[in-house]
Amino acid sequence: MFKKDWVKELKKLSFSKGADTFKMEITPYRDWRVLAGVFFVGLVVSLGFNIYMSVEINSDSFFTTVPKNGDGVELNKDGLANVLADFADKKAIFEKVKTEGVSVVDPSL
């Protein structure tokens, strides 16, 4: 059985035939081959992830959570009273400004 040498195949992607040691030669075939390889690997990874997500969401096991046994949420009554008081103060100031108006200095005078 023929065994493929993967190290040799990877070297083909990074080196071109007859290239100089300083990598001064322009090798568009090698560059496009690497770019296309990276694109298709990313495409396969993305497709695999999307299939995994679809299967997990379809089987209703993806968003399940363990119910917590504990006390309920306590309401902070003092904080709520402070917020409501602030809203009442802002409403009073707004009504005062709405009825009396604001004195604005005209800069053109």
C-alpha atoms as a PDB file:
ATOM      1  CA  MET A   1       0.000   0.000   0.000  1.00  0.00           C
ATOM      2  CA  PHE A   2       1.259   3.458  -0.899  1.00  0.00           C
ATOM      3  CA  LYS A   3       1.911   5.730   2.096  1.00  0.00           C
ATOM      4  CA  LYS A   4       1.732   9.460   1.472  1.00  0.00           C
ATOM      5  CA  ASP A   5       4.525  11.605   2.884  1.00  0.00           C
ATOM      6  CA  TRP A   6       2.665  14.521   4.489  1.00  0.00           C
ATOM      7  CA  VAL A   7       5.838  16.414   5.382  1.00  0.00           C
ATOM      8  CA  LYS A   8       6.801  16.458   1.715  1.00  0.00           C
ATOM      9  CA  GLU A   9       3.292  17.638   0.746  1.00  0.00           C
ATOM     10  CA  LEU A  10       3.419  20.474   3.295  1.00  0.00           C
ATOM     11  CA  LYS A  11       6.825  21.531   1.987  1.00  0.00           C
ATOM     12  CA  LYS A  12       5.326  21.744  -1.499  1.00  0.00           C
ATOM     13  CA  LEU A  13       2.891  24.351  -0.207  1.00  0.00           C
ATOM     14  CA  SER A  14       5.599  26.510   1.314  1.00  0.00           C
ATOM     15  CA  PHE A  15       8.384  26.093  -1.268  1.00  0.00           C
ATOM     16  CA  SER A  16       8.284  26.301  -5.017  1.00  0.00           C
ATOM     17  CA  LYS A  17      10.439  24.308  -7.387  1.00  0.00           C
ATOM     18  CA  GLY A  18      13.702  26.002  -8.196  1.00  0.00           C
ATOM     19  CA  ALA A  19      13.141  28.867  -5.775  1.00  0.00           C
ATOM     20  CA  ASP A  20      16.097  30.691  -4.406  1.00  0.00           C
ATOM     21  CA  THR A  21      17.044  30.404  -0.732  1.00  0.00           C
ATOM     22  CA  PHE A  22      16.363  34.077  -0.016  1.00  0.00           C
ATOM     23  CA  LYS A  23      12.717  33.861  -1.201  1.00  0.00           C
ATOM     24  CA  MET A  24      13.204  36.747  -3.608  1.00  0.00           C
ATOM     25  CA  GLU A  25      11.328  34.986  -6.402  1.00  0.00           C
ATOM     26  CA  ILE A  26       7.672  35.755  -6.938  1.00  0.00           C
ATOM     27  CA  THR A  27       5.668  32.542  -6.845  1.00  0.00           C
ATOM     28  CA  PRO A  28       1.984  33.241  -7.466  1.00  0.00           C
ATOM     29  CA  TYR A  29       1.048  29.569  -7.912  1.00  0.00           C
ATOM     30  CA  ARG A  30       2.325  28.679  -4.456  1.00  0.00           C
ATOM     31  CA  ASP A  31       0.670  31.731  -2.907  1.00  0.00           C
ATOM     32  CA  TRP A  32      -2.698  31.033  -4.509  1.00  0.00           C
ATOM     33  CA  ARG A  33      -2.436  27.343  -3.601  1.00  0.00           C
ATOM     34  CA  VAL A  34      -1.882  28.247   0.077  1.00  0.00           C
ATOM     35  CA  LEU A  35      -4.705  30.796  -0.019  1.00  0.00           C
ATOM     36  CA  ALA A  36      -7.134  28.335  -1.607  1.00  0.00           C
ATOM     37  CA  GLY A  37      -6.120  25.611   0.852  1.00  0.00           C
ATOM     38  CA  VAL A  38      -6.713  27.861   3.848  1.00  0.00           C
ATOM     39  CA  PHE A  39     -10.064  28.932   2.407  1.00  0.00           C
ATOM     40  CA  PHE A  40     -11.289  25.374   1.897  1.00  0.00           C
ATOM     41  CA  VAL A  41     -10.068  24.244   5.318  1.00  0.00           C
ATOM     42  CA  GLY A  42     -11.951  27.158   6.882  1.00  0.00           C
ATOM     43  CA  LEU A  43     -15.010  26.288   4.824  1.00  0.00           C
ATOM     44  CA  VAL A  44     -14.940  22.667   6.014  1.00  0.00           C
ATOM     45  CA  VAL A  45     -14.479  23.732   9.654  1.00  0.00           C
ATOM     46  CA  SER A  46     -17.359  26.200   9.373  1.00  0.00           C
ATOM     47  CA  LEU A  47     -19.594  23.603   7.753  1.00  0.00           C
ATOM     48  CA  GLY A  48     -18.780  21.076  10.468  1.00  0.00           C
ATOM     49  CA  PHE A  49     -19.530  23.596  13.216  1.00  0.00           C
ATOM     50  CA  ASN A  50     -22.851  24.553  11.619  1.00  0.00           C
ATOM     51  CA  ILE A  51     -23.885  20.901  11.290  1.00  0.00           C
ATOM     52  CA  TYR A  52     -22.953  20.288  14.934  1.00  0.00           C
ATOM     53  CA  MET A  53     -24.989  23.309  16.084  1.00  0.00           C
ATOM     54  CA  SER A  54     -27.991  22.269  13.982  1.00  0.00           C
ATOM     55  CA  VAL A  55     -27.980  18.719  15.341  1.00  0.00           C
ATOM     56  CA  GLU A  56     -27.592  19.844  18.955  1.00  0.00           C
ATOM     57  CA  ILE A  57     -30.314  22.500  18.722  1.00  0.00           C
ATOM     58  CA  ASN A  58     -32.627  20.072  16.918  1.00  0.00           C
ATOM     59  CA  SER A  59     -32.261  17.454  19.658  1.00  0.00           C
ATOM     60  CA  ASP A  60     -33.252  20.036  22.325  1.00  0.00           C
ATOM     61  CA  SER A  61     -30.167  19.264  24.375  1.00  0.00           C
ATOM     62  CA  PHE A  62     -28.235  22.414  23.641  1.00  0.00           C
ATOM     63  CA  PHE A  63     -30.134  24.966  25.707  1.00  0.00           C
ATOM     64  CA  THR A  64     -31.115  22.799  28.652  1.00  0.00           C
ATOM     65  CA  THR A  65     -30.129  24.001  32.105  1.00  0.00           C
ATOM     66  CA  VAL A  66     -30.163  22.379  35.500  1.00  0.00           C
ATOM     67  CA  PRO A  67     -32.868  23.910  37.721  1.00  0.00           C
ATOM     68  CA  LYS A  68     -31.505  25.622  40.819  1.00  0.00           C
ATOM     69  CA  ASN A  69     -32.963  24.819  44.194  1.00  0.00           C
ATOM     70  CA  GLY A  70     -32.660  27.935  46.277  1.00  0.00           C
ATOM     71  CA  ASP A  71     -34.295  31.040  47.574  1.00  0.00           C
ATOM     72  CA  GLY A  72     -36.062  33.399  45.259  1.00  0.00           C
ATOM     73  CA  VAL A  73     -34.790  36.805  44.323  1.00  0.00           C
ATOM     74  CA  GLU A  74     -35.156  39.392  47.063  1.00  0.00           C
ATOM     75  CA  LEU A  75     -36.361  42.849  46.181  1.00  0.00           C
ATOM     76  CA  ASN A  76     -34.232  45.731  47.409  1.00  0.00           C
ATOM     77  CA  LYS A  77     -37.017  47.941  48.754  1.00  0.00           C
ATOM     78  CA  ASP A  78     -34.739  50.758  49.915  1.00  0.00           C
ATOM     79  CA  GLY A  79     -33.077  51.023  46.514  1.00  0.00           C
ATOM     80  CA  LEU A  80     -36.454  50.954  44.762  1.00  0.00           C
ATOM     81  CA  ALA A  81     -37.722  53.766  47.020  1.00  0.00           C
ATOM     82  CA  ASN A  82     -34.619  55.860  46.208  1.00  0.00           C
ATOM     83  CA  VAL A  83     -35.068  55.364  42.455  1.00  0.00           C
ATOM     84  CA  LEU A  84     -38.772  56.245  42.618  1.00  0.00           C
ATOM     85  CA  ALA A  85     -37.957  59.357  44.648  1.00  0.00           C
ATOM     86  CA  ASP A  86     -35.381  60.395  42.030  1.00  0.00           C
ATOM     87  CA  PHE A  87     -37.969  59.935  39.271  1.00  0.00           C
ATOM     88  CA  ALA A  88     -40.477  62.035  41.218  1.00  0.00           C
ATOM     89  CA  ASP A  89     -37.887  64.815  41.661  1.00  0.00           C
ATOM     90  CA  LYS A  90     -37.042  64.760  37.951  1.00  0.00           C
ATOM     91  CA  LYS A  91     -40.731  64.888  37.063  1.00  0.00           C
ATOM     92  CA  ALA A  92     -41.254  67.904  39.324  1.00  0.00           C
ATOM     93  CA  ILE A  93     -38.265  69.705  37.786  1.00  0.00           C
ATOM     94  CA  PHE A  94     -39.526  68.900  34.279  1.00  0.00           C
ATOM     95  CA  GLU A  95     -43.019  70.242  35.037  1.00  0.00           C
ATOM     96  CA  LYS A  96     -41.506  73.407  36.520  1.00  0.00           C
ATOM     97  CA  VAL A  97     -39.338  74.011  33.441  1.00  0.00           C
ATOM     98  CA  LYS A  98     -42.236  73.185  31.127  1.00  0.00           C
ATOM     99  CA  THR A  99     -44.590  75.722  32.709  1.00  0.00           C
ATOM    100  CA  GLU A 100     -42.118  78.529  33.528  1.00  0.00           C
ATOM    101  CA  GLY A 101     -39.743  78.173  30.619  1.00  0.00           C
ATOM    102  CA  VAL A 102     -36.002  78.585  30.599  1.00  0.00           C
ATOM    103  CA  SER A 103     -34.292  81.937  30.360  1.00  0.00           C
ATOM    104  CA  VAL A 104     -31.783  81.678  27.568  1.00  0.00           C
ATOM    105  CA  VAL A 105     -29.371  84.477  26.788  1.00  0.00           C
ATOM    106  CA  ASP A 106     -29.504  85.485  23.147  1.00  0.00           C
ATOM    107  CA  PRO A 107     -25.908  85.459  21.861  1.00  0.00           C
ATOM    108  CA  SER A 108     -26.729  87.727  18.916  1.00  0.00           C
ATOM    109  CA  LEU A 109     -27.449  90.736  21.136  1.00  0.00           C
END
